C-alpha atoms as a PDB file:
ATOM      1  CA  MET A   1       2.861   1.927  11.448  1.00  0.00           C
ATOM      2  CA  LEU A   2      -0.694   0.685  11.029  1.00  0.00           C
ATOM      3  CA  LYS A   3      -2.271  -0.994  14.008  1.00  0.00           C
ATOM      4  CA  GLY A   4      -5.487  -2.708  15.025  1.00  0.00           C
ATOM      5  CA  LYS A   5      -8.703  -1.127  13.851  1.00  0.00           C
ATOM      6  CA  LYS A   6      -7.147   0.900  11.020  1.00  0.00           C
ATOM      7  CA  LYS A   7      -5.510  -2.175   9.546  1.00  0.00           C
ATOM      8  CA  GLU A   8      -8.673  -4.290   9.873  1.00  0.00           C
ATOM      9  CA  LYS A   9     -10.724  -1.587   8.162  1.00  0.00           C
ATOM     10  CA  ILE A  10      -8.296  -1.416   5.228  1.00  0.00           C
ATOM     11  CA  VAL A  11      -8.184  -5.213   4.886  1.00  0.00           C
ATOM     12  CA  LYS A  12     -11.978  -5.511   4.946  1.00  0.00           C
ATOM     13  CA  GLY A  13     -12.294  -2.818   2.304  1.00  0.00           C
ATOM     14  CA  HIS A  14      -9.996  -4.573  -0.185  1.00  0.00           C
ATOM     15  CA  GLN A  15     -10.233  -8.302   0.452  1.00  0.00           C
ATOM     16  CA  ILE A  16     -11.363 -10.602  -2.333  1.00  0.00           C
ATOM     17  CA  HIS A  17     -12.990 -13.205  -0.087  1.00  0.00           C
ATOM     18  CA  GLU A  18     -13.872 -13.394   3.601  1.00  0.00           C
ATOM     19  CA  ARG A  19     -10.548 -14.661   4.969  1.00  0.00           C
ATOM     20  CA  ASP A  20      -8.286 -12.814   2.522  1.00  0.00           C
ATOM     21  CA  THR A  21      -5.394 -10.963   4.160  1.00  0.00           C
ATOM     22  CA  GLY A  22      -2.575 -11.426   1.664  1.00  0.00           C
ATOM     23  CA  SER A  23      -3.883 -10.729  -1.828  1.00  0.00           C
ATOM     24  CA  PRO A  24      -2.015  -8.091  -3.838  1.00  0.00           C
ATOM     25  CA  GLU A  25      -4.927  -5.672  -3.451  1.00  0.00           C
ATOM     26  CA  VAL A  26      -4.786  -5.872   0.345  1.00  0.00           C
ATOM     27  CA  GLN A  27      -1.001  -5.579   0.396  1.00  0.00           C
ATOM     28  CA  ILE A  28      -1.045  -2.534  -1.895  1.00  0.00           C
ATOM     29  CA  ALA A  29      -3.793  -0.875   0.159  1.00  0.00           C
ATOM     30  CA  LEU A  30      -1.840  -1.389   3.402  1.00  0.00           C
ATOM     31  CA  LEU A  31       1.387  -0.139   1.842  1.00  0.00           C
ATOM     32  CA  THR A  32      -0.357   2.906   0.377  1.00  0.00           C
ATOM     33  CA  LYS A  33      -1.784   3.895   3.760  1.00  0.00           C
ATOM     34  CA  SER A  34       1.615   3.400   5.431  1.00  0.00           C
ATOM     35  CA  ILE A  35       3.294   5.464   2.721  1.00  0.00           C
ATOM     36  CA  GLU A  36       0.810   8.291   3.247  1.00  0.00           C
ATOM     37  CA  GLU A  37       1.394   8.306   7.012  1.00  0.00           C
ATOM     38  CA  LEU A  38       5.175   8.163   6.687  1.00  0.00           C
ATOM     39  CA  SER A  39       5.163  10.914   4.059  1.00  0.00           C
ATOM     40  CA  SER A  40       3.315  13.235   6.409  1.00  0.00           C
ATOM     41  CA  HIS A  41       5.834  12.386   9.152  1.00  0.00           C
ATOM     42  CA  LEU A  42       8.748  13.193   6.859  1.00  0.00           C
ATOM     43  CA  LYS A  43       7.250  16.566   5.942  1.00  0.00           C
ATOM     44  CA  LYS A  44       7.552  17.551   9.605  1.00  0.00           C
ATOM     45  CA  HIS A  45      10.869  15.798  10.295  1.00  0.00           C
ATOM     46  CA  LYS A  46      13.036  16.419   7.242  1.00  0.00           C
ATOM     47  CA  LYS A  47      16.200  14.907   8.731  1.00  0.00           C
ATOM     48  CA  ALA A  48      14.725  11.501   9.617  1.00  0.00           C
ATOM     49  CA  ASN A  49      17.010   9.514   7.320  1.00  0.00           C
ATOM     50  CA  HIS A  50      16.033   6.074   8.584  1.00  0.00           C
ATOM     51  CA  SER A  51      12.360   6.847   8.048  1.00  0.00           C
ATOM     52  CA  SER A  52      13.083   8.117   4.568  1.00  0.00           C
ATOM     53  CA  ARG A  53      14.877   4.873   3.721  1.00  0.00           C
ATOM     54  CA  GLY A  54      11.859   2.930   4.987  1.00  0.00           C
ATOM     55  CA  LEU A  55       9.590   5.023   2.797  1.00  0.00           C
ATOM     56  CA  ILE A  56      11.689   4.245  -0.278  1.00  0.00           C
ATOM     57  CA  GLN A  57      11.535   0.533   0.538  1.00  0.00           C
ATOM     58  CA  MET A  58       7.750   0.645   0.928  1.00  0.00           C
ATOM     59  CA  VAL A  59       7.328   2.437  -2.400  1.00  0.00           C
ATOM     60  CA  ALA A  60       9.535  -0.179  -4.098  1.00  0.00           C
ATOM     61  CA  ASP A  61       7.558  -3.007  -2.482  1.00  0.00           C
ATOM     62  CA  ARG A  62       4.256  -1.476  -3.610  1.00  0.00           C
ATOM     63  CA  ARG A  63       5.652  -1.101  -7.134  1.00  0.00           C
ATOM     64  CA  THR A  64       6.597  -4.797  -7.131  1.00  0.00           C
ATOM     65  CA  HIS A  65       3.073  -5.799  -6.080  1.00  0.00           C
ATOM     66  CA  MET A  66       1.611  -3.536  -8.774  1.00  0.00           C
ATOM     67  CA  LYS A  67       3.818  -5.093 -11.473  1.00  0.00           C
ATOM     68  CA  TYR A  68       2.712  -8.566 -10.403  1.00  0.00           C
ATOM     69  CA  LEU A  69      -0.929  -7.547 -10.510  1.00  0.00           C
ATOM     70  CA  GLN A  70      -0.452  -5.915 -13.908  1.00  0.00           C
ATOM     71  CA  LYS A  71       1.025  -9.112 -15.362  1.00  0.00           C
ATOM     72  CA  LYS A  72      -1.473 -11.555 -13.851  1.00  0.00           C
ATOM     73  CA  HIS A  73      -4.767  -9.630 -13.538  1.00  0.00           C
ATOM     74  CA  LYS A  74      -4.950  -6.538 -15.746  1.00  0.00           C
ATOM     75  CA  ASP A  75      -8.540  -5.675 -14.826  1.00  0.00           C
ATOM     76  CA  ARG A  76      -7.848  -5.791 -11.073  1.00  0.00           C
ATOM     77  CA  TYR A  77      -4.670  -3.750 -11.644  1.00  0.00           C
ATOM     78  CA  GLN A  78      -6.537  -1.034 -13.535  1.00  0.00           C
ATOM     79  CA  ALA A  79      -9.265  -0.808 -10.884  1.00  0.00           C
ATOM     80  CA  LEU A  80      -6.721  -0.505  -8.083  1.00  0.00           C
ATOM     81  CA  ALA A  81      -4.538   2.002  -9.940  1.00  0.00           C
ATOM     82  CA  LYS A  82      -7.575   4.159 -10.582  1.00  0.00           C
ATOM     83  CA  LYS A  83      -8.729   3.915  -6.951  1.00  0.00           C
ATOM     84  CA  PHE A  84      -5.363   5.008  -5.499  1.00  0.00           C
ATOM     85  CA  ASN A  85      -4.368   7.329  -8.378  1.00  0.00           C
ATOM     86  CA  LEU A  86      -1.258   5.270  -9.175  1.00  0.00           C
ATOM     87  CA  LYS A  87       0.448   4.749 -12.508  1.00  0.00           C
END
């Protein structure tokens, strides 16, 4: 779970304008960081089924945001996919 300073840093690094906290880029960046943290947790705790279900939900949510961005703003999608090494 992302908290405080980490979350602010991620938001500031991906926001489109000064007060932006909900654009697809910000949402994808936050989800990607959460996915990375949860993946490392699951490598240590292989039997954490509830955490694994949460990870699958986050990946699906990120995929949904990426599809939206791909349909509406292809250039922003390509830049973000390249930055996070996503398809």
